[in-house]
């Protein structure tokens, strides 16, 4: 059976990785709403 420590570490890693994508996505939303078309946002998320 999977230990509680393992589940906790997986969830904390998922939240940490998800926060980065959330902030990048919010930045893209604001850029799109202001009228700036940024076609390279996905590449910047991968390389940044």
N, C-alpha and C. Protein backbone atom coordinates (compact mmCIF):
# COMPACT_ATOMS: atom_id res chain seq x y z
N UNK A 1 0.84 -1.18 0.00
CA UNK A 1 0.00 0.00 0.00
C UNK A 1 0.88 1.25 0.00
N UNK A 2 0.40 2.30 -0.62
CA UNK A 2 1.18 3.53 -0.75
C UNK A 2 1.15 4.28 0.57
N UNK A 3 2.33 4.73 0.99
CA UNK A 3 2.43 5.44 2.25
C UNK A 3 1.93 6.88 2.16
N UNK A 4 1.60 7.42 3.31
CA UNK A 4 1.09 8.78 3.39
C UNK A 4 2.17 9.78 2.97
N UNK A 5 3.40 9.51 3.31
CA UNK A 5 4.49 10.40 2.94
C UNK A 5 4.67 10.50 1.44
N UNK A 6 4.49 9.39 0.75
CA UNK A 6 4.60 9.39 -0.71
C UNK A 6 3.50 10.22 -1.34
N UNK A 7 2.28 10.04 -0.87
CA UNK A 7 1.14 10.79 -1.40
C UNK A 7 1.33 12.28 -1.14
N UNK A 8 1.81 12.61 0.05
CA UNK A 8 2.04 14.01 0.40
C UNK A 8 3.11 14.63 -0.50
N UNK A 9 4.17 13.91 -0.78
CA UNK A 9 5.23 14.46 -1.63
C UNK A 9 4.77 14.61 -3.07
N UNK A 10 3.96 13.69 -3.56
CA UNK A 10 3.43 13.80 -4.92
C UNK A 10 2.50 15.00 -5.04
N UNK A 11 1.62 15.17 -4.07
CA UNK A 11 0.69 16.30 -4.10
C UNK A 11 1.41 17.64 -3.98
N UNK A 12 2.42 17.71 -3.13
CA UNK A 12 3.15 18.97 -2.99
C UNK A 12 3.93 19.29 -4.26
N UNK A 13 4.46 18.28 -4.92
CA UNK A 13 5.14 18.50 -6.19
C UNK A 13 4.20 18.95 -7.28
N UNK A 14 2.99 18.38 -7.28
CA UNK A 14 2.00 18.77 -8.28
C UNK A 14 1.55 20.21 -8.08
N UNK A 15 1.37 20.61 -6.84
CA UNK A 15 0.97 22.00 -6.56
C UNK A 15 2.09 22.96 -6.94
N UNK A 16 3.32 22.59 -6.64
CA UNK A 16 4.45 23.46 -6.98
C UNK A 16 4.60 23.61 -8.49
N UNK A 17 4.45 22.53 -9.24
CA UNK A 17 4.55 22.60 -10.70
C UNK A 17 3.35 23.32 -11.29
N UNK A 18 2.19 23.10 -10.73
CA UNK A 18 0.98 23.74 -11.24
C UNK A 18 0.96 25.23 -11.03
N UNK A 19 1.59 25.71 -9.97
CA UNK A 19 1.64 27.14 -9.70
C UNK A 19 2.38 27.88 -10.80
N UNK A 20 3.44 27.31 -11.28
CA UNK A 20 4.21 27.94 -12.36
C UNK A 20 3.36 28.09 -13.61
N UNK A 21 2.65 27.04 -13.97
CA UNK A 21 1.81 27.09 -15.16
C UNK A 21 0.62 28.02 -14.97
N UNK A 22 0.10 28.09 -13.75
CA UNK A 22 -1.01 29.00 -13.47
C UNK A 22 -0.57 30.45 -13.65
N UNK A 23 0.58 30.81 -13.12
CA UNK A 23 1.06 32.19 -13.24
C UNK A 23 1.38 32.54 -14.69
N UNK A 24 1.96 31.61 -15.44
CA UNK A 24 2.25 31.87 -16.85
C UNK A 24 0.96 32.01 -17.65
N UNK A 25 -0.02 31.21 -17.33
CA UNK A 25 -1.30 31.30 -18.04
C UNK A 25 -2.01 32.60 -17.73
N UNK A 26 -1.96 33.05 -16.49
CA UNK A 26 -2.57 34.33 -16.14
C UNK A 26 -1.87 35.48 -16.85
N UNK A 27 -0.56 35.40 -16.98
CA UNK A 27 0.17 36.42 -17.73
C UNK A 27 -0.25 36.46 -19.18
N UNK A 28 -0.47 35.32 -19.77
CA UNK A 28 -0.92 35.26 -21.16
C UNK A 28 -2.33 35.81 -21.30
N UNK A 29 -3.19 35.54 -20.34
CA UNK A 29 -4.56 36.07 -20.38
C UNK A 29 -4.53 37.59 -20.35
N UNK A 30 -3.72 38.16 -19.47
CA UNK A 30 -3.63 39.63 -19.40
C UNK A 30 -3.05 40.21 -20.68
N UNK A 31 -2.08 39.53 -21.26
CA UNK A 31 -1.50 40.01 -22.52
C UNK A 31 -2.53 39.98 -23.64
N UNK A 32 -3.29 38.92 -23.71
CA UNK A 32 -4.33 38.80 -24.75
C UNK A 32 -5.42 39.85 -24.55
N UNK A 33 -5.79 40.11 -23.31
CA UNK A 33 -6.85 41.08 -23.04
C UNK A 33 -6.40 42.50 -23.39
N UNK A 34 -5.10 42.76 -23.31
CA UNK A 34 -4.60 44.09 -23.64
C UNK A 34 -4.38 44.27 -25.14
N UNK A 35 -4.54 43.21 -25.91
CA UNK A 35 -4.42 43.31 -27.35
C UNK A 35 -3.08 42.87 -27.91
N UNK A 36 -2.22 42.34 -27.07
CA UNK A 36 -0.91 41.87 -27.52
C UNK A 36 -1.02 40.39 -27.85
N UNK A 37 -0.68 40.03 -29.07
CA UNK A 37 -0.73 38.63 -29.47
C UNK A 37 0.65 38.01 -29.26
N UNK A 38 0.75 37.10 -28.33
CA UNK A 38 2.02 36.47 -28.00
C UNK A 38 1.93 34.99 -28.40
N UNK A 39 2.46 34.68 -29.57
CA UNK A 39 2.38 33.31 -30.06
C UNK A 39 3.42 32.39 -29.44
N UNK A 40 4.42 32.94 -28.78
CA UNK A 40 5.49 32.12 -28.23
C UNK A 40 5.36 31.82 -26.75
N UNK A 41 4.17 32.01 -26.17
CA UNK A 41 4.03 31.81 -24.73
C UNK A 41 4.27 30.36 -24.32
N UNK A 42 3.82 29.41 -25.12
CA UNK A 42 4.03 28.01 -24.76
C UNK A 42 5.52 27.66 -24.76
N UNK A 43 6.25 28.18 -25.73
CA UNK A 43 7.69 27.95 -25.77
C UNK A 43 8.40 28.59 -24.60
N UNK A 44 7.97 29.79 -24.24
CA UNK A 44 8.58 30.45 -23.08
C UNK A 44 8.27 29.69 -21.80
N UNK A 45 7.10 29.10 -21.70
CA UNK A 45 6.77 28.30 -20.52
C UNK A 45 7.65 27.06 -20.44
N UNK A 46 7.92 26.45 -21.59
CA UNK A 46 8.74 25.24 -21.58
C UNK A 46 10.20 25.57 -21.29
N UNK A 47 10.72 26.61 -21.93
CA UNK A 47 12.14 26.94 -21.77
C UNK A 47 12.42 27.78 -20.53
N UNK A 48 11.42 28.46 -20.02
CA UNK A 48 11.62 29.36 -18.87
C UNK A 48 11.57 28.60 -17.61
